[in-house]
C-alpha atoms as a PDB file:
ATOM      1  CA  MET A   1       0.000   0.000   0.000  1.00  0.00           C
ATOM      2  CA  GLU A   2       1.329   3.395  -0.991  1.00  0.00           C
ATOM      3  CA  HIS A   3       1.564   6.256   1.429  1.00  0.00           C
ATOM      4  CA  SER A   4       0.288   9.596   0.354  1.00  0.00           C
ATOM      5  CA  ASN A   5       2.274  12.826   0.940  1.00  0.00           C
ATOM      6  CA  HIS A   6      -0.954  14.725   1.600  1.00  0.00           C
ATOM      7  CA  CYS A   7      -0.880  14.002   5.340  1.00  0.00           C
ATOM      8  CA  ARG A   8       2.773  14.849   5.950  1.00  0.00           C
ATOM      9  CA  PRO A   9       3.686  18.512   6.576  1.00  0.00           C
ATOM     10  CA  SER A  10       6.340  19.974   4.298  1.00  0.00           C
ATOM     11  CA  PRO A  11       9.726  21.015   5.761  1.00  0.00           C
ATOM     12  CA  GLY A  12       8.863  24.703   5.203  1.00  0.00           C
ATOM     13  CA  LEU A  13       5.599  24.345   7.099  1.00  0.00           C
ATOM     14  CA  ARG A  14       7.384  22.679  10.013  1.00  0.00           C
ATOM     15  CA  THR A  15       9.903  25.549  10.168  1.00  0.00           C
ATOM     16  CA  CYS A  16       7.110  28.106  10.126  1.00  0.00           C
ATOM     17  CA  ALA A  17       5.270  26.263  12.881  1.00  0.00           C
ATOM     18  CA  ALA A  18       8.443  26.174  14.987  1.00  0.00           C
ATOM     19  CA  LEU A  19       8.921  29.927  14.578  1.00  0.00           C
ATOM     20  CA  VAL A  20       5.316  30.707  15.528  1.00  0.00           C
ATOM     21  CA  SER A  21       5.513  28.507  18.616  1.00  0.00           C
ATOM     22  CA  GLY A  22       8.811  30.171  19.580  1.00  0.00           C
ATOM     23  CA  PHE A  23       7.252  33.638  19.335  1.00  0.00           C
ATOM     24  CA  LEU A  24       4.261  32.520  21.380  1.00  0.00           C
ATOM     25  CA  LEU A  25       6.506  31.065  24.075  1.00  0.00           C
ATOM     26  CA  ALA A  26       8.592  34.260  24.237  1.00  0.00           C
ATOM     27  CA  SER A  27       5.510  36.454  24.553  1.00  0.00           C
ATOM     28  CA  VAL A  28       4.167  34.262  27.395  1.00  0.00           C
ATOM     29  CA  VAL A  29       7.501  34.466  29.247  1.00  0.00           C
ATOM     30  CA  LEU A  30       7.630  38.258  28.865  1.00  0.00           C
ATOM     31  CA  ALA A  31       4.020  38.627  29.990  1.00  0.00           C
ATOM     32  CA  GLN A  32       4.761  36.616  33.139  1.00  0.00           C
ATOM     33  CA  SER A  33       7.814  38.665  34.138  1.00  0.00           C
ATOM     34  CA  THR A  34       7.848  39.876  37.706  1.00  0.00           C
ATOM     35  CA  PRO A  35       6.294  43.277  38.455  1.00  0.00           C
ATOM     36  CA  SER A  36       9.556  44.474  40.034  1.00  0.00           C
ATOM     37  CA  ALA A  37      11.441  43.853  36.777  1.00  0.00           C
ATOM     38  CA  ARG A  38       8.816  45.820  34.848  1.00  0.00           C
ATOM     39  CA  ALA A  39       8.904  48.651  37.428  1.00  0.00           C
ATOM     40  CA  LYS A  40      12.663  49.097  36.968  1.00  0.00           C
ATOM     41  CA  ALA A  41      12.378  49.641  33.216  1.00  0.00           C
ATOM     42  CA  PRO A  42      11.903  53.343  32.382  1.00  0.00           C
ATOM     43  CA  SER A  43       8.723  54.239  30.586  1.00  0.00           C
ATOM     44  CA  PRO A  44       8.995  55.896  27.160  1.00  0.00           C
ATOM     45  CA  THR A  45       7.254  58.998  28.509  1.00  0.00           C
ATOM     46  CA  GLN A  46       9.915  59.688  31.144  1.00  0.00           C
ATOM     47  CA  ALA A  47      12.209  62.574  30.234  1.00  0.00           C
ATOM     48  CA  LYS A  48      15.867  61.885  29.569  1.00  0.00           C
ATOM     49  CA  PRO A  49      18.407  63.543  31.856  1.00  0.00           C
ATOM     50  CA  ALA A  50      20.144  66.554  30.295  1.00  0.00           C
ATOM     51  CA  ALA A  51      23.510  64.783  30.178  1.00  0.00           C
ATOM     52  CA  ALA A  52      22.174  61.619  28.513  1.00  0.00           C
ATOM     53  CA  VAL A  53      23.895  60.608  25.302  1.00  0.00           C
ATOM     54  CA  ASP A  54      21.642  59.819  22.367  1.00  0.00           C
ATOM     55  CA  PRO A  55      22.433  56.189  21.462  1.00  0.00           C
ATOM     56  CA  TYR A  56      21.250  56.698  17.888  1.00  0.00           C
ATOM     57  CA  ARG A  57      23.598  59.578  17.148  1.00  0.00           C
ATOM     58  CA  PRO A  58      27.269  58.626  17.045  1.00  0.00           C
ATOM     59  CA  ASN A  59      29.810  60.655  18.973  1.00  0.00           C
ATOM     60  CA  ARG A  60      31.564  62.780  16.370  1.00  0.00           C
ATOM     61  CA  PHE A  61      34.914  62.613  18.115  1.00  0.00           C
ATOM     62  CA  ALA A  62      34.947  59.403  20.066  1.00  0.00           C
ATOM     63  CA  GLY A  63      38.235  58.006  21.226  1.00  0.00           C
ATOM     64  CA  ARG A  64      41.513  59.481  20.081  1.00  0.00           C
ATOM     65  CA  ALA A  65      40.156  62.337  17.951  1.00  0.00           C
ATOM     66  CA  GLY A  66      38.128  63.742  20.850  1.00  0.00           C
ATOM     67  CA  GLN A  67      41.068  63.365  23.218  1.00  0.00           C
ATOM     68  CA  PHE A  68      43.392  65.058  20.713  1.00  0.00           C
ATOM     69  CA  TYR A  69      41.266  68.214  20.376  1.00  0.00           C
ATOM     70  CA  LYS A  70      40.708  68.338  24.130  1.00  0.00           C
ATOM     71  CA  TYR A  71      44.322  67.875  25.248  1.00  0.00           C
ATOM     72  CA  VAL A  72      46.204  69.645  22.445  1.00  0.00           C
ATOM     73  CA  TRP A  73      43.847  72.516  21.608  1.00  0.00           C
ATOM     74  CA  GLY A  74      41.691  72.770  24.752  1.00  0.00           C
ATOM     75  CA  ILE A  75      38.358  72.430  22.916  1.00  0.00           C
ATOM     76  CA  ASP A  76      35.603  69.878  22.347  1.00  0.00           C
ATOM     77  CA  SER A  77      32.128  69.704  20.778  1.00  0.00           C
ATOM     78  CA  LEU A  78      33.345  70.787  17.336  1.00  0.00           C
ATOM     79  CA  ASN A  79      30.486  71.368  14.905  1.00  0.00           C
ATOM     80  CA  VAL A  80      30.099  72.717  11.360  1.00  0.00           C
ATOM     81  CA  ARG A  81      26.617  73.754  10.255  1.00  0.00           C
ATOM     82  CA  LEU A  82      25.052  75.551   7.295  1.00  0.00           C
ATOM     83  CA  MET A  83      23.240  78.748   8.285  1.00  0.00           C
ATOM     84  CA  GLU A  84      21.092  81.384   6.572  1.00  0.00           C
ATOM     85  CA  SER A  85      19.870  79.189   3.718  1.00  0.00           C
ATOM     86  CA  GLY A  86      23.384  77.947   3.027  1.00  0.00           C
ATOM     87  CA  GLU A  87      25.007  81.383   2.572  1.00  0.00           C
ATOM     88  CA  LEU A  88      27.025  80.990   5.779  1.00  0.00           C
ATOM     89  CA  VAL A  89      28.857  78.065   7.347  1.00  0.00           C
ATOM     90  CA  ARG A  90      29.241  78.271  11.142  1.00  0.00           C
ATOM     91  CA  PHE A  91      32.048  76.472  12.974  1.00  0.00           C
ATOM     92  CA  THR A  92      31.451  76.141  16.731  1.00  0.00           C
ATOM     93  CA  TYR A  93      33.488  74.699  19.575  1.00  0.00           C
ATOM     94  CA  ARG A  94      33.427  74.628  23.382  1.00  0.00           C
ATOM     95  CA  VAL A  95      36.449  75.615  25.475  1.00  0.00           C
ATOM     96  CA  VAL A  96      37.743  73.131  28.068  1.00  0.00           C
ATOM     97  CA  ASP A  97      41.188  74.756  28.532  1.00  0.00           C
ATOM     98  CA  PRO A  98      41.242  78.546  27.929  1.00  0.00           C
ATOM     99  CA  ASP A  99      45.050  78.751  27.651  1.00  0.00           C
ATOM    100  CA  ARG A 100      45.280  76.167  24.885  1.00  0.00           C
ATOM    101  CA  ALA A 101      42.184  77.465  23.087  1.00  0.00           C
ATOM    102  CA  SER A 102      43.451  81.067  22.925  1.00  0.00           C
ATOM    103  CA  LEU A 103      44.955  80.459  19.459  1.00  0.00           C
ATOM    104  CA  LEU A 104      41.489  79.890  17.984  1.00  0.00           C
ATOM    105  CA  ASN A 105      40.273  83.313  19.158  1.00  0.00           C
ATOM    106  CA  ASP A 106      43.376  85.227  17.997  1.00  0.00           C
ATOM    107  CA  LYS A 107      42.039  87.976  15.715  1.00  0.00           C
ATOM    108  CA  ASN A 108      45.447  88.322  14.010  1.00  0.00           C
ATOM    109  CA  LEU A 109      45.059  84.857  12.470  1.00  0.00           C
ATOM    110  CA  ALA A 110      42.845  84.448   9.411  1.00  0.00           C
ATOM    111  CA  PRO A 111      40.690  81.304   9.707  1.00  0.00           C
ATOM    112  CA  SER A 112      39.673  79.352   6.630  1.00  0.00           C
ATOM    113  CA  LEU A 113      37.290  76.500   5.934  1.00  0.00           C
ATOM    114  CA  ILE A 114      38.461  74.172   3.164  1.00  0.00           C
ATOM    115  CA  ASP A 115      36.136  71.847   1.252  1.00  0.00           C
ATOM    116  CA  PRO A 116      38.264  69.433  -0.820  1.00  0.00           C
ATOM    117  CA  ARG A 117      35.182  68.063  -2.666  1.00  0.00           C
ATOM    118  CA  ALA A 118      34.137  71.488  -3.926  1.00  0.00           C
ATOM    119  CA  GLY A 119      37.718  72.709  -4.242  1.00  0.00           C
ATOM    120  CA  VAL A 120      37.073  75.918  -2.272  1.00  0.00           C
ATOM    121  CA  SER A 121      38.545  77.738   0.702  1.00  0.00           C
ATOM    122  CA  LEU A 122      36.009  79.895   2.529  1.00  0.00           C
ATOM    123  CA  VAL A 123      36.993  82.995   4.501  1.00  0.00           C
ATOM    124  CA  VAL A 124      35.400  84.935   7.349  1.00  0.00           C
ATOM    125  CA  PRO A 125      33.416  87.863   5.937  1.00  0.00           C
ATOM    126  CA  SER A 126      34.014  91.310   7.363  1.00  0.00           C
ATOM    127  CA  MET A 127      31.064  93.684   7.733  1.00  0.00           C
ATOM    128  CA  GLU A 128      31.670  97.442   7.614  1.00  0.00           C
ATOM    129  CA  LYS A 129      30.087  98.318  10.976  1.00  0.00           C
ATOM    130  CA  ILE A 130      30.368  94.947  12.708  1.00  0.00           C
ATOM    131  CA  GLY A 131      33.792  93.679  11.708  1.00  0.00           C
ATOM    132  CA  GLN A 132      34.663  90.009  11.198  1.00  0.00           C
ATOM    133  CA  LEU A 133      31.902  87.440  11.816  1.00  0.00           C
ATOM    134  CA  ARG A 134      33.784  85.614  14.547  1.00  0.00           C
ATOM    135  CA  GLN A 135      34.302  85.778  18.253  1.00  0.00           C
ATOM    136  CA  SER A 136      37.739  86.973  19.303  1.00  0.00           C
ATOM    137  CA  ALA A 137      37.323  87.516  23.053  1.00  0.00           C
ATOM    138  CA  ILE A 138      39.608  85.812  25.538  1.00  0.00           C
ATOM    139  CA  PRO A 139      38.290  82.243  25.822  1.00  0.00           C
ATOM    140  CA  GLU A 140      36.520  81.246  29.044  1.00  0.00           C
ATOM    141  CA  LEU A 141      36.161  77.749  30.445  1.00  0.00           C
ATOM    142  CA  GLY A 142      32.910  76.042  29.414  1.00  0.00           C
ATOM    143  CA  LYS A 143      31.785  78.702  26.924  1.00  0.00           C
ATOM    144  CA  SER A 144      31.049  77.975  23.273  1.00  0.00           C
ATOM    145  CA  TYR A 145      32.491  80.118  20.490  1.00  0.00           C
ATOM    146  CA  TRP A 146      31.741  80.410  16.778  1.00  0.00           C
ATOM    147  CA  ILE A 147      33.248  81.543  13.501  1.00  0.00           C
ATOM    148  CA  ALA A 148      31.104  82.215  10.418  1.00  0.00           C
ATOM    149  CA  PHE A 149      32.451  81.595   6.918  1.00  0.00           C
ATOM    150  CA  SER A 150      30.971  83.065   3.753  1.00  0.00           C
ATOM    151  CA  ASN A 151      29.548  80.375   1.453  1.00  0.00           C
ATOM    152  CA  LYS A 152      28.626  82.569  -1.505  1.00  0.00           C
ATOM    153  CA  GLY A 153      27.380  80.390  -4.334  1.00  0.00           C
ATOM    154  CA  ARG A 154      26.566  77.663  -1.790  1.00  0.00           C
ATOM    155  CA  THR A 155      29.480  75.472  -2.824  1.00  0.00           C
ATOM    156  CA  VAL A 156      29.715  73.773   0.581  1.00  0.00           C
ATOM    157  CA  LYS A 157      26.736  71.452   1.089  1.00  0.00           C
ATOM    158  CA  HIS A 158      25.216  69.250   3.796  1.00  0.00           C
ATOM    159  CA  GLY A 159      27.251  66.089   4.297  1.00  0.00           C
ATOM    160  CA  ASP A 160      30.522  67.513   2.928  1.00  0.00           C
ATOM    161  CA  ARG A 161      33.709  66.799   4.872  1.00  0.00           C
ATOM    162  CA  VAL A 162      35.602  70.029   5.533  1.00  0.00           C
ATOM    163  CA  ASN A 163      38.797  71.184   7.216  1.00  0.00           C
ATOM    164  CA  VAL A 164      39.037  74.238   9.481  1.00  0.00           C
ATOM    165  CA  VAL A 165      42.441  75.956   9.655  1.00  0.00           C
ATOM    166  CA  ILE A 166      43.360  78.739  12.111  1.00  0.00           C
ATOM    167  CA  GLY A 167      47.117  79.355  12.277  1.00  0.00           C
ATOM    168  CA  THR A 168      48.656  76.035  13.354  1.00  0.00           C
ATOM    169  CA  PHE A 169      45.259  74.618  14.417  1.00  0.00           C
ATOM    170  CA  ARG A 170      43.773  72.176  11.913  1.00  0.00           C
ATOM    171  CA  ALA A 171      40.552  70.183  12.309  1.00  0.00           C
ATOM    172  CA  GLU A 172      40.117  67.727   9.446  1.00  0.00           C
ATOM    173  CA  GLY A 173      37.159  65.738   8.206  1.00  0.00           C
ATOM    174  CA  LEU A 174      34.397  67.654   9.995  1.00  0.00           C
ATOM    175  CA  MET A 175      30.980  66.830   8.540  1.00  0.00           C
ATOM    176  CA  VAL A 176      28.715  69.726   7.600  1.00  0.00           C
ATOM    177  CA  ASP A 177      25.278  69.443   9.251  1.00  0.00           C
END
């Protein structure tokens, strides 16, 4: 007597059934977890502390690069961002050692922002009544400072990697936000 294959489940069906039963078992185990374990988990509506690091946004200068800027130049939190519809590029940094960071605020040095992709070197514009669009005060611990570069023609774009040069200071590979 011949056996029919109609009663036997196919290998794919068995795999699917195993997956479904696995998911059901996992959901039952999670549903039966102790109330104290559920109480320890923060709810999504709770506010994050101010110093919390966003796990979905990578640290721009993790490891050696961050340590280099901090210990050699006395700054951290470097950032390059397009402003005013792309007509200006703003470079910002925070001072962690005022003595080492004093070079960046020296008004006798001409800063430049270099975009190798576009093949341009941007300069700090000087307004008649305002002067240069940069901060040149004596750096203070914990304060953030900025320098604005003219991006006439909008050659520097979001996502470009740029270099900022101020005298002997050089920050390479900064991404434009």
